[in-house]
Amino acid sequence: MATQPRRPSPTISPAQPSPDSDAVDEEIAFDRGVPGLMIPDLFTQLPPLRDTLVTATSVVQDETVEVCLPFLGGEDGAVEYNEHGVPRLDREKHIKFLHQSLGKLPGRFVAADASRPWFLYWCLSALTMLGEDVTSYQESIAETARSMQNDTGGFGGGGRQLSHMATTYAVVLSLALVGGEEAYELVDRKAMWRWLCTLKQPDGGFQVCLGGEEDIRGAYCAAVIISLLRLPLDLTPESPAYTGDDSVNLFTGVADYVRRCQTFEGGISGQPNAEAHGAYAFCALGCLALLDHPGRSIPSYLDVPRLIAWLSSRQYAPEGGFSGRTNKLVDGCYSHWVGGCFPLIEACLNSSTTTTTTSGSRSSGGSVAAEDAAATAATTTSRTRLAPAEESLFSREGLIRYILCCCQDQTKRGGLRDKPEKMSDAYHSCYVLSGLSSAQHQWELDDDNDNDNDLSEPAEEADAADAAAAAEAVWAVLPYLDGLQVFDNKDRVRPIHPVYAIPQQSVRAMKEYFRERQGGF
């Protein structure tokens, strides 16, 4: 039998701790390769622990590290670095790229016609984080959105295209970003409500379109749309989930559906018994945060310590960025999809209303099927009090270094990208900046404002009014100032709401507009 090839040892040996030091873990070794730059060796050298087995995955991983190291080490002579070896955020260049991306695109983009709503959201959101006023796009965004709306409810990817949960989510967020009565009023809320009812499934989840797949994206997008537009939670008789019981509504069973998507790894899959993925973890946390107070809903339905362990494993060194799945490469977009999970978890852990977390034996797929009462009853469950997050649960410095060093297109093109040697695009520009915002800010829950919520009963047992009130949990944001700040203050981007991924004032404005019309159209 042929033996497997082994990976060579790293060509750059890791920094060795001082033999006289008793506090090895507290030491930070700095790279001396580039004079005058204070860059920890963690971000300039190959990992000290490496699996020596050569696979296709390990080869590509090594190639990715080699591509990133010069950018992380401050070796680009054409780029100006601060004392920490971090370049500035080229704000103006990125703004120009995003404005151009909202204009007429080259012919090859016809293949992305069904993603037009996403281009609107990606560009508007990124511009907002960079400090741009996007209200000048109100009229054009409203006109474009109107052409995508279907009489049966929801928005398609373009004119005469089937309504889809993802494109509807993108349109609603885009309308919230530009704001204004014209943008709000173009949404046919009654048709939207009826359409969402047709997507609601008896097991608690949502299809993403009529006859389409049911996954956790649908649950998160539905929760965002319902809460922003203040739609009623009642089900229509045409809904597949309709039972005639007034206590069964659009949010019934959603939290349990999310719970069943947690895998044996601790991450979250798109559907029960599938592979964990970073974007699904964000959808799961965001969805639970809208169903009840996050301090209660998240630990009640997820094994939080196992989720934290899985999310933490997605951050790599020396790159500093996140991957989306086990044994995958870092990608700038996961700065949001994975990095954006940590503000939700940290706020949850530090909330005075945080309850115990549920953990226990799981089925072979890592979940307990709700329809299998016997399996549910047989699940061994323990309740564990969660400790507060006294410090950041991820390396903010590492993520900021990866974003500013590796994800900026330093050519005249501008924009942000997956990693070096990749082209910038609107998608990565949005989610890389979202991750940067998460790393630069800290979110906290204002528990005193949540007096109307009875948190003594689980989200699944709360009535529709409780569920709607839960969405009003007030989030407070401050710049994150603990530890070493490796970026210049002028490179801090605007904060975005940790659940809705748009500025908090945009969320408030849309909700307030529809507040008086809740329950009616």
Protein backbone atom coordinates (compact mmCIF):
# COMPACT_ATOMS: atom_id res chain seq x y z
CA MET A 1 0.00 0.00 0.00
CA ALA A 2 1.39 3.37 -0.96
CA THR A 3 2.07 5.70 1.94
CA GLN A 4 0.46 9.11 2.12
CA PRO A 5 2.84 12.01 1.44
CA ARG A 6 3.66 14.21 4.38
CA ARG A 7 3.73 17.98 4.49
CA PRO A 8 7.13 19.58 4.95
CA SER A 9 7.87 21.39 8.16
CA PRO A 10 7.28 25.14 8.16
CA THR A 11 10.18 27.04 6.65
CA ILE A 12 9.76 29.76 9.23
CA SER A 13 10.10 28.58 12.78
CA PRO A 14 7.66 29.96 15.34
CA ALA A 15 8.85 32.50 17.87
CA GLN A 16 10.21 30.90 21.02
CA PRO A 17 9.19 32.18 24.46
CA SER A 18 11.82 33.49 26.80
CA PRO A 19 13.15 30.74 29.07
CA ASP A 20 13.09 33.20 31.97
CA SER A 21 9.40 33.94 31.60
CA ASP A 22 6.75 32.28 33.78
CA ALA A 23 3.90 33.90 31.85
CA VAL A 24 4.40 32.39 28.42
CA ASP A 25 0.73 32.83 27.48
CA GLU A 26 0.91 36.55 28.10
CA GLU A 27 3.89 37.14 25.85
CA ILE A 28 3.44 38.72 22.46
CA ALA A 29 6.34 38.20 20.09
CA PHE A 30 6.70 40.83 17.40
CA ASP A 31 8.00 40.27 13.92
CA ARG A 32 11.24 42.08 13.22
CA GLY A 33 11.27 41.43 9.47
CA VAL A 34 9.91 44.88 8.61
CA PRO A 35 11.66 47.60 10.62
CA GLY A 36 9.37 49.92 12.56
CA LEU A 37 6.23 47.76 12.30
CA MET A 38 4.79 46.07 15.38
CA ILE A 39 3.20 42.94 13.96
CA PRO A 40 2.79 39.90 16.24
CA ASP A 41 4.45 36.75 14.91
CA LEU A 42 1.05 35.07 14.99
CA PHE A 43 0.17 36.99 11.81
CA THR A 44 3.50 36.72 9.98
CA GLN A 45 4.51 33.08 10.34
CA LEU A 46 3.16 29.66 9.47
CA PRO A 47 1.12 27.98 12.20
CA PRO A 48 3.29 26.23 14.81
CA LEU A 49 0.92 23.23 14.84
CA ARG A 50 0.22 21.63 11.48
CA ASP A 51 -1.17 18.29 10.33
CA THR A 52 1.59 16.68 8.28
CA LEU A 53 -0.80 14.69 6.08
CA VAL A 54 -0.96 16.10 2.56
CA THR A 55 -4.44 16.47 1.06
CA ALA A 56 -5.94 18.64 -1.65
CA THR A 57 -7.37 20.79 1.12
CA SER A 58 -4.05 21.20 2.93
CA VAL A 59 -2.26 22.14 -0.29
CA VAL A 60 -4.75 24.90 -1.10
CA GLN A 61 -4.65 26.06 2.52
CA ASP A 62 -0.85 26.37 2.39
CA GLU A 63 -1.10 28.29 -0.88
CA THR A 64 -3.62 30.68 0.67
CA VAL A 65 -1.36 31.35 3.64
CA GLU A 66 1.61 32.03 1.36
CA VAL A 67 -0.49 34.52 -0.63
CA CYS A 68 -1.68 36.31 2.51
CA LEU A 69 1.61 36.51 4.44
CA PRO A 70 3.19 39.37 2.42
CA PHE A 71 0.05 41.46 2.90
CA LEU A 72 -0.10 40.69 6.61
CA GLY A 73 3.62 41.38 7.03
CA GLY A 74 3.52 44.92 5.68
CA GLU A 75 5.71 44.08 2.70
CA ASP A 76 3.84 45.99 -0.03
CA GLY A 77 6.01 49.00 -0.74
CA ALA A 78 3.17 50.77 -2.55
CA VAL A 79 0.95 50.76 0.54
CA GLU A 80 1.28 53.09 3.52
CA TYR A 81 1.08 51.27 6.87
CA ASN A 82 0.58 52.52 10.40
CA GLU A 83 2.91 51.47 13.21
CA HIS A 84 1.01 48.20 13.61
CA GLY A 85 1.55 47.20 10.00
CA VAL A 86 -2.07 47.90 9.05
CA PRO A 87 -3.00 50.04 6.01
CA ARG A 88 -5.70 52.67 6.17
CA LEU A 89 -9.23 52.03 4.94
CA ASP A 90 -9.28 53.49 1.44
CA ARG A 91 -12.73 54.90 2.00
CA GLU A 92 -13.04 57.16 -1.04
CA LYS A 93 -11.90 54.50 -3.49
CA HIS A 94 -14.40 51.99 -2.09
CA ILE A 95 -17.20 54.56 -2.18
CA LYS A 96 -16.53 55.24 -5.84
CA PHE A 97 -16.57 51.52 -6.62
CA LEU A 98 -19.91 51.04 -4.85
CA HIS A 99 -21.60 54.00 -6.55
CA GLN A 100 -20.45 52.62 -9.90
CA SER A 101 -21.87 49.21 -8.95
CA LEU A 102 -25.29 50.81 -8.53
CA GLY A 103 -25.14 52.11 -12.09
CA LYS A 104 -25.21 50.37 -15.44
CA LEU A 105 -23.22 47.14 -15.29
CA PRO A 106 -21.32 45.36 -18.11
CA GLY A 107 -23.15 42.81 -20.25
CA ARG A 108 -21.65 39.82 -18.44
CA PHE A 109 -23.76 40.69 -15.39
CA VAL A 110 -26.86 39.48 -17.21
CA ALA A 111 -26.13 36.12 -15.59
CA ALA A 112 -26.79 37.76 -12.22
CA ASP A 113 -30.12 39.28 -13.24
CA ALA A 114 -32.00 37.36 -10.55
CA SER A 115 -29.68 38.91 -7.94
CA ARG A 116 -30.58 42.52 -8.69
CA PRO A 117 -32.15 43.08 -5.24
CA TRP A 118 -28.95 41.84 -3.65
CA PHE A 119 -26.82 44.31 -5.60
CA LEU A 120 -29.06 47.08 -4.25
CA TYR A 121 -28.65 45.92 -0.66
CA TRP A 122 -24.94 45.14 -0.87
CA CYS A 123 -24.07 48.54 -2.32
CA LEU A 124 -26.43 50.62 -0.18
CA SER A 125 -25.40 48.87 3.01
CA ALA A 126 -21.68 49.19 2.27
CA LEU A 127 -22.04 52.86 1.35
CA THR A 128 -23.93 53.51 4.58
CA MET A 129 -21.20 51.88 6.66
CA LEU A 130 -18.65 54.07 4.90
CA GLY A 131 -20.61 57.15 5.97
CA GLU A 132 -22.44 57.93 2.73
CA ASP A 133 -25.95 59.35 2.66
CA VAL A 134 -27.95 57.03 0.39
CA THR A 135 -31.27 58.88 0.54
CA SER A 136 -30.49 60.28 -2.92
CA TYR A 137 -31.33 56.80 -4.22
CA GLN A 138 -34.86 56.82 -2.78
CA GLU A 139 -36.68 57.39 -6.07
CA SER A 140 -34.62 54.99 -8.19
CA ILE A 141 -34.67 52.24 -5.55
CA ALA A 142 -38.44 52.58 -5.15
CA GLU A 143 -38.94 52.42 -8.92
CA THR A 144 -36.73 49.35 -9.24
CA ALA A 145 -38.37 47.60 -6.27
CA ARG A 146 -41.85 48.29 -7.63
CA SER A 147 -40.96 46.50 -10.86
CA MET A 148 -39.93 43.39 -8.88
CA GLN A 149 -43.04 43.14 -6.68
CA ASN A 150 -45.58 40.46 -7.52
CA ASP A 151 -49.33 40.81 -7.03
CA THR A 152 -49.28 37.57 -5.07
CA GLY A 153 -46.85 39.07 -2.58
CA GLY A 154 -43.10 39.33 -2.15
CA PHE A 155 -40.37 40.41 -4.53
CA GLY A 156 -38.59 38.47 -7.24
CA GLY A 157 -35.05 38.90 -8.45
CA GLY A 158 -36.37 41.05 -11.29
CA GLY A 159 -39.49 41.83 -13.26
CA ARG A 160 -41.78 38.82 -13.85
CA GLN A 161 -39.61 36.59 -11.67
CA LEU A 162 -40.92 34.33 -8.92
CA SER A 163 -41.02 35.88 -5.45
CA HIS A 164 -38.28 34.51 -3.24
CA MET A 165 -37.64 34.96 0.46
CA ALA A 166 -34.01 36.01 -0.07
CA THR A 167 -34.72 38.65 -2.71
CA THR A 168 -37.68 39.93 -0.69
CA TYR A 169 -35.41 40.28 2.33
CA ALA A 170 -32.87 42.20 0.23
CA VAL A 171 -35.54 44.55 -1.18
CA VAL A 172 -37.06 45.29 2.24
CA LEU A 173 -33.63 46.08 3.70
CA SER A 174 -32.82 48.28 0.70
CA LEU A 175 -36.06 50.22 1.20
CA ALA A 176 -35.23 50.61 4.89
CA LEU A 177 -31.78 51.95 3.99
CA VAL A 178 -33.05 54.69 1.67
CA GLY A 179 -36.09 55.36 3.87
CA GLY A 180 -38.99 57.65 3.16
CA GLU A 181 -42.74 57.28 2.71
CA GLU A 182 -42.52 56.43 -0.98
CA ALA A 183 -40.20 53.53 -0.26
CA TYR A 184 -42.27 52.22 2.64
CA GLU A 185 -45.64 52.58 0.93
CA LEU A 186 -44.76 50.66 -2.21
CA VAL A 187 -44.71 47.39 -0.23
CA ASP A 188 -48.03 45.56 -0.54
CA ARG A 189 -48.05 44.40 3.07
CA LYS A 190 -51.31 42.46 2.83
CA ALA A 191 -50.09 40.47 -0.17
CA MET A 192 -46.75 40.02 1.60
CA TRP A 193 -48.47 38.58 4.67
CA ARG A 194 -50.55 36.18 2.58
CA TRP A 195 -47.47 35.09 0.64
CA LEU A 196 -45.50 34.41 3.85
CA CYS A 197 -48.40 32.33 5.14
CA THR A 198 -48.20 30.12 2.06
CA LEU A 199 -44.51 29.51 2.79
CA LYS A 200 -45.01 28.64 6.46
CA GLN A 201 -44.64 24.88 7.03
CA PRO A 202 -46.25 22.60 9.65
CA ASP A 203 -42.84 21.70 11.13
CA GLY A 204 -42.15 25.34 12.01
CA GLY A 205 -39.89 26.34 9.14
CA PHE A 206 -40.41 28.36 5.96
CA GLN A 207 -39.91 27.56 2.32
CA VAL A 208 -37.85 30.14 0.46
CA CYS A 209 -40.33 30.19 -2.40
CA LEU A 210 -43.49 28.32 -3.38
CA GLY A 211 -42.47 24.72 -3.92
CA GLY A 212 -38.88 25.53 -3.01
CA GLU A 213 -36.54 24.27 -0.33
CA GLU A 214 -37.21 24.77 3.36
CA ASP A 215 -34.18 25.97 5.27
CA ILE A 216 -32.98 28.28 7.98
CA ARG A 217 -32.50 31.17 5.54
CA GLY A 218 -36.25 31.19 5.09
CA ALA A 219 -36.85 31.35 8.85
CA TYR A 220 -34.44 34.25 9.36
CA CYS A 221 -35.60 36.24 6.33
CA ALA A 222 -39.25 35.75 7.32
CA ALA A 223 -38.58 36.94 10.88
CA VAL A 224 -36.82 40.07 9.59
CA ILE A 225 -39.56 40.89 7.08
CA ILE A 226 -42.38 40.32 9.57
CA SER A 227 -40.78 42.45 12.27
CA LEU A 228 -39.69 45.35 10.02
CA LEU A 229 -43.06 45.60 8.23
CA ARG A 230 -45.00 44.82 11.44
CA LEU A 231 -47.09 42.18 9.75
CA PRO A 232 -49.77 40.28 11.68
CA LEU A 233 -48.79 36.82 12.88
CA ASP A 234 -52.14 35.15 12.20
CA LEU A 235 -52.18 32.41 9.58
CA THR A 236 -54.50 32.40 6.60
CA PRO A 237 -56.62 29.25 6.01
CA GLU A 238 -54.57 28.64 2.86
CA SER A 239 -51.34 28.23 4.86
CA PRO A 240 -49.92 24.68 5.01
CA ALA A 241 -49.41 25.28 8.74
CA TYR A 242 -53.01 26.39 9.39
CA THR A 243 -54.81 24.25 11.99
CA GLY A 244 -57.72 26.45 13.04
CA ASP A 245 -56.09 26.92 16.43
CA ASP A 246 -55.66 30.65 17.08
CA SER A 247 -52.51 29.98 19.10
CA VAL A 248 -50.70 28.68 15.99
CA ASN A 249 -49.13 31.53 14.03
CA LEU A 250 -46.25 32.46 11.73
CA PHE A 251 -43.71 32.18 14.54
CA THR A 252 -44.99 28.89 15.97
CA GLY A 253 -42.35 26.16 15.85
CA VAL A 254 -39.65 28.39 14.34
CA ALA A 255 -37.36 28.27 17.37
CA ASP A 256 -37.60 24.50 17.53
CA TYR A 257 -36.84 24.28 13.82
CA VAL A 258 -33.69 26.34 14.47
CA ARG A 259 -32.75 24.03 17.34
CA ARG A 260 -32.99 20.98 15.11
CA CYS A 261 -30.47 22.54 12.73
CA GLN A 262 -27.61 22.46 15.25
CA THR A 263 -25.18 19.72 14.24
CA PHE A 264 -22.89 17.34 16.10
CA GLU A 265 -20.04 19.80 15.48
CA GLY A 266 -21.90 22.56 17.30
CA GLY A 267 -22.46 24.68 14.21
CA ILE A 268 -25.74 25.27 12.38
CA SER A 269 -26.84 23.64 9.14
CA GLY A 270 -29.32 24.93 6.61
CA GLN A 271 -31.67 22.05 7.35
CA PRO A 272 -31.72 19.38 10.06
CA ASN A 273 -29.06 16.71 9.55
CA ALA A 274 -26.92 18.66 7.08
CA GLU A 275 -23.45 20.25 7.20
CA ALA A 276 -22.78 23.21 9.48
CA HIS A 277 -22.13 26.52 7.72
CA GLY A 278 -21.22 29.96 9.04
CA ALA A 279 -23.99 31.82 7.24
CA TYR A 280 -26.60 29.49 8.71
CA ALA A 281 -25.23 30.15 12.19
CA PHE A 282 -25.86 33.86 11.70
CA CYS A 283 -29.37 33.16 10.39
CA ALA A 284 -30.12 30.96 13.39
CA LEU A 285 -28.94 33.51 15.94
CA GLY A 286 -30.66 36.40 14.18
CA CYS A 287 -33.91 34.47 13.93
CA LEU A 288 -33.92 33.52 17.63
CA ALA A 289 -33.09 37.11 18.58
CA LEU A 290 -36.32 38.23 16.88
CA LEU A 291 -38.55 35.57 18.42
CA ASP A 292 -37.85 36.46 22.04
CA HIS A 293 -35.32 38.32 24.13
CA PRO A 294 -31.94 37.01 22.87
CA GLY A 295 -30.78 36.45 26.44
CA ARG A 296 -33.47 33.83 26.73
CA SER A 297 -34.14 32.49 23.24
CA ILE A 298 -30.56 31.78 22.17
CA PRO A 299 -29.48 29.68 25.18
CA SER A 300 -32.93 28.04 25.40
CA TYR A 301 -32.72 26.56 21.91
CA LEU A 302 -29.01 26.24 21.16
CA ASP A 303 -26.09 24.59 22.88
CA VAL A 304 -24.17 27.86 23.12
CA PRO A 305 -20.78 26.53 24.34
CA ARG A 306 -20.62 24.06 21.45
CA LEU A 307 -21.65 26.77 19.00
CA ILE A 308 -18.94 29.09 20.33
CA ALA A 309 -16.37 26.31 19.96
CA TRP A 310 -17.37 25.72 16.34
CA LEU A 311 -17.41 29.42 15.47
CA SER A 312 -14.03 29.96 17.13
CA SER A 313 -12.57 27.14 15.04
CA ARG A 314 -13.48 29.08 11.92
CA GLN A 315 -10.88 31.81 12.65
CA TYR A 316 -7.45 30.95 11.29
CA ALA A 317 -3.91 32.11 11.97
CA PRO A 318 -1.89 33.62 10.46
CA GLU A 319 -4.66 34.92 8.19
CA GLY A 320 -6.91 36.23 10.98
CA GLY A 321 -10.06 35.83 8.88
CA PHE A 322 -12.86 33.30 9.05
CA SER A 323 -13.78 30.26 7.00
CA GLY A 324 -17.39 29.24 6.48
CA ARG A 325 -17.08 25.51 7.04
CA THR A 326 -14.71 22.95 8.51
CA ASN A 327 -11.57 22.48 6.37
CA LYS A 328 -12.40 25.40 4.09
CA LEU A 329 -10.39 28.51 3.28
CA VAL A 330 -10.79 31.94 4.81
CA ASP A 331 -13.08 34.25 2.85
CA GLY A 332 -13.73 37.91 3.49
CA CYS A 333 -17.52 37.47 3.40
CA TYR A 334 -17.38 35.33 6.57
CA SER A 335 -16.16 38.40 8.39
CA HIS A 336 -19.90 39.01 8.62
CA TRP A 337 -21.49 35.59 8.47
CA VAL A 338 -19.24 34.20 11.23
CA GLY A 339 -17.81 37.39 12.74
CA GLY A 340 -21.34 38.80 13.00
CA CYS A 341 -22.37 35.89 15.23
CA PHE A 342 -20.12 36.97 18.07
CA PRO A 343 -21.82 40.33 18.87
CA LEU A 344 -25.11 38.43 19.22
CA ILE A 345 -23.60 35.76 21.46
CA GLU A 346 -21.59 38.22 23.57
CA ALA A 347 -24.63 40.44 24.13
CA CYS A 348 -26.66 37.35 25.00
CA LEU A 349 -24.10 36.11 27.54
CA ASN A 350 -23.73 39.54 29.14
CA SER A 351 -27.47 40.16 29.43
CA SER A 352 -29.00 40.02 32.90
CA THR A 353 -31.86 37.97 31.45
CA THR A 354 -29.61 35.21 30.13
CA THR A 355 -31.06 31.83 31.03
CA THR A 356 -29.43 28.42 31.16
CA THR A 357 -28.42 26.62 28.01
CA THR A 358 -29.73 23.27 26.90
CA SER A 359 -27.36 20.44 26.06
CA GLY A 360 -27.86 16.74 25.74
CA SER A 361 -27.52 13.64 23.67
CA ARG A 362 -28.53 14.10 20.04
CA SER A 363 -29.61 11.84 17.24
CA SER A 364 -27.09 10.70 14.65
CA GLY A 365 -27.68 13.84 12.63
CA GLY A 366 -27.05 16.10 15.59
CA SER A 367 -30.67 17.11 16.08
CA VAL A 368 -33.87 15.88 17.63
CA ALA A 369 -36.78 15.67 15.19
CA ALA A 370 -39.80 17.53 16.55
CA GLU A 371 -42.20 15.08 14.95
CA ASP A 372 -40.54 12.17 16.75
CA ALA A 373 -42.05 12.48 20.19
CA ALA A 374 -40.32 9.37 21.45
CA ALA A 375 -36.90 10.67 20.43
CA THR A 376 -37.65 14.01 22.03
CA ALA A 377 -38.71 12.41 25.27
CA ALA A 378 -35.64 10.20 25.30
CA THR A 379 -33.23 13.09 24.92
CA THR A 380 -31.05 13.50 27.98
CA THR A 381 -31.09 17.21 28.78
CA SER A 382 -29.01 19.19 31.23
CA ARG A 383 -29.25 22.85 32.12
CA THR A 384 -26.04 24.80 32.46
CA ARG A 385 -25.70 28.39 33.63
CA LEU A 386 -23.74 30.38 31.06
CA ALA A 387 -20.87 32.55 32.20
CA PRO A 388 -20.69 36.13 30.92
CA ALA A 389 -18.26 37.00 28.14
CA GLU A 390 -15.71 39.04 30.09
CA GLU A 391 -13.60 39.58 26.97
CA SER A 392 -14.06 39.27 23.25
CA LEU A 393 -14.85 35.74 22.09
CA PHE A 394 -12.86 36.16 18.89
CA SER A 395 -9.67 37.90 17.84
CA ARG A 396 -10.85 41.31 16.76
CA GLU A 397 -7.29 42.28 15.97
CA GLY A 398 -6.88 39.25 13.72
CA LEU A 399 -10.06 39.97 11.79
CA ILE A 400 -9.25 43.67 11.40
CA ARG A 401 -5.77 42.82 10.13
CA TYR A 402 -7.17 40.37 7.58
CA ILE A 403 -9.76 42.86 6.35
CA LEU A 404 -7.53 45.91 6.05
CA CYS A 405 -4.42 44.07 4.89
CA CYS A 406 -5.84 41.35 2.64
CA CYS A 407 -9.38 42.30 1.60
CA GLN A 408 -8.89 45.76 0.15
CA ASP A 409 -8.38 46.08 -3.59
CA GLN A 410 -5.50 48.56 -3.57
CA THR A 411 -5.69 49.15 -7.31
CA LYS A 412 -7.62 52.07 -8.77
CA ARG A 413 -10.64 49.73 -9.00
CA GLY A 414 -11.31 49.85 -5.24
CA GLY A 415 -13.85 47.73 -3.41
CA LEU A 416 -13.29 44.78 -1.10
CA ARG A 417 -12.68 41.12 -1.87
CA ASP A 418 -12.56 37.53 -0.67
CA LYS A 419 -8.76 37.38 -0.32
CA PRO A 420 -5.62 38.53 -2.18
CA GLU A 421 -5.56 37.65 -5.89
CA LYS A 422 -9.38 37.78 -6.02
CA MET A 423 -11.35 40.61 -7.62
CA SER A 424 -13.42 42.98 -5.52
CA ASP A 425 -17.20 42.87 -5.85
CA ALA A 426 -20.31 44.32 -4.25
CA TYR A 427 -21.06 41.16 -2.25
CA HIS A 428 -17.70 41.05 -0.51
CA SER A 429 -17.59 44.82 -0.12
CA CYS A 430 -20.80 44.66 1.90
CA TYR A 431 -20.00 41.71 4.11
CA VAL A 432 -16.32 42.53 4.66
CA LEU A 433 -17.34 45.98 5.90
CA SER A 434 -20.08 44.40 8.03
CA GLY A 435 -17.43 42.22 9.67
CA LEU A 436 -15.20 45.24 10.18
CA SER A 437 -18.09 47.02 11.87
CA SER A 438 -18.66 44.03 14.17
CA ALA A 439 -14.97 43.97 15.13
CA GLN A 440 -14.85 47.71 15.80
CA HIS A 441 -17.99 47.93 17.95
CA GLN A 442 -19.56 46.26 20.94
CA TRP A 443 -23.31 45.70 21.28
CA GLU A 444 -25.22 45.39 24.54
CA LEU A 445 -28.84 44.64 25.32
CA ASP A 446 -30.78 47.23 27.30
CA ASP A 447 -32.66 44.81 29.53
CA ASP A 448 -34.48 47.57 31.41
CA ASN A 449 -36.42 48.44 28.25
CA ASP A 450 -37.82 44.94 27.91
CA ASN A 451 -40.33 45.21 30.76
CA ASP A 452 -43.29 44.21 28.59
CA ASN A 453 -41.80 40.80 27.86
CA ASP A 454 -42.71 37.95 30.17
CA LEU A 455 -39.53 35.93 30.00
CA SER A 456 -40.79 33.29 32.41
CA GLU A 457 -42.01 31.11 29.53
CA PRO A 458 -40.16 29.87 26.44
CA ALA A 459 -40.56 31.60 23.09
CA GLU A 460 -42.61 28.70 21.71
CA GLU A 461 -45.20 29.18 24.49
CA ALA A 462 -45.44 32.95 24.19
CA ASP A 463 -48.42 34.44 22.38
CA ALA A 464 -48.24 36.62 19.29
CA ALA A 465 -48.13 39.86 21.27
CA ASP A 466 -45.17 38.61 23.31
CA ALA A 467 -43.34 37.59 20.15
CA ALA A 468 -43.90 40.97 18.56
CA ALA A 469 -42.76 42.76 21.70
CA ALA A 470 -39.63 40.62 21.84
CA ALA A 471 -38.48 42.15 18.58
CA GLU A 472 -38.34 45.50 20.35
CA ALA A 473 -35.37 44.55 22.53
CA VAL A 474 -33.18 47.68 22.53
CA TRP A 475 -29.59 47.29 21.46
CA ALA A 476 -26.97 49.80 22.57
CA VAL A 477 -23.68 50.14 20.72
CA LEU A 478 -20.32 51.57 21.70
CA PRO A 479 -16.90 51.56 20.03
CA TYR A 480 -14.90 48.54 21.17
CA LEU A 481 -11.94 49.99 23.04
CA ASP A 482 -10.55 47.07 25.03
CA GLY A 483 -7.11 45.81 24.11
CA LEU A 484 -4.80 47.05 21.39
CA GLN A 485 -6.39 49.11 18.62
CA VAL A 486 -4.41 48.45 15.46
CA PHE A 487 -6.43 50.71 13.14
CA ASP A 488 -6.66 54.48 13.03
CA ASN A 489 -9.82 56.08 14.41
CA LYS A 490 -10.67 57.63 11.04
CA ASP A 491 -10.96 54.08 9.70
CA ARG A 492 -13.81 53.13 12.01
CA VAL A 493 -16.96 52.38 9.99
CA ARG A 494 -20.55 52.96 11.09
CA PRO A 495 -22.19 50.35 13.29
CA ILE A 496 -24.99 48.19 11.93
CA HIS A 497 -27.73 46.44 13.89
CA PRO A 498 -26.44 42.96 14.87
CA VAL A 499 -29.68 41.25 13.79
CA TYR A 500 -30.86 43.27 10.76
CA ALA A 501 -27.41 44.15 9.35
CA ILE A 502 -28.46 47.73 8.58
CA PRO A 503 -28.04 50.85 10.77
CA GLN A 504 -30.18 50.87 13.88
CA GLN A 505 -31.81 54.16 12.91
CA SER A 506 -33.00 52.61 9.65
CA VAL A 507 -34.59 49.77 11.60
CA ARG A 508 -36.32 52.19 13.96
CA ALA A 509 -37.61 54.42 11.18
CA MET A 510 -39.28 51.60 9.26
CA LYS A 511 -40.76 50.01 12.37
CA GLU A 512 -42.07 53.34 13.63
CA TYR A 513 -43.71 54.08 10.29
CA PHE A 514 -45.73 50.87 10.43
CA ARG A 515 -46.31 50.91 14.19
CA GLU A 516 -49.77 52.48 14.00
CA ARG A 517 -50.78 50.10 11.25
CA GLN A 518 -49.85 46.89 13.05
CA GLY A 519 -52.61 44.33 12.57
CA GLY A 520 -54.10 46.26 9.69
CA PHE A 521 -53.23 47.13 6.11
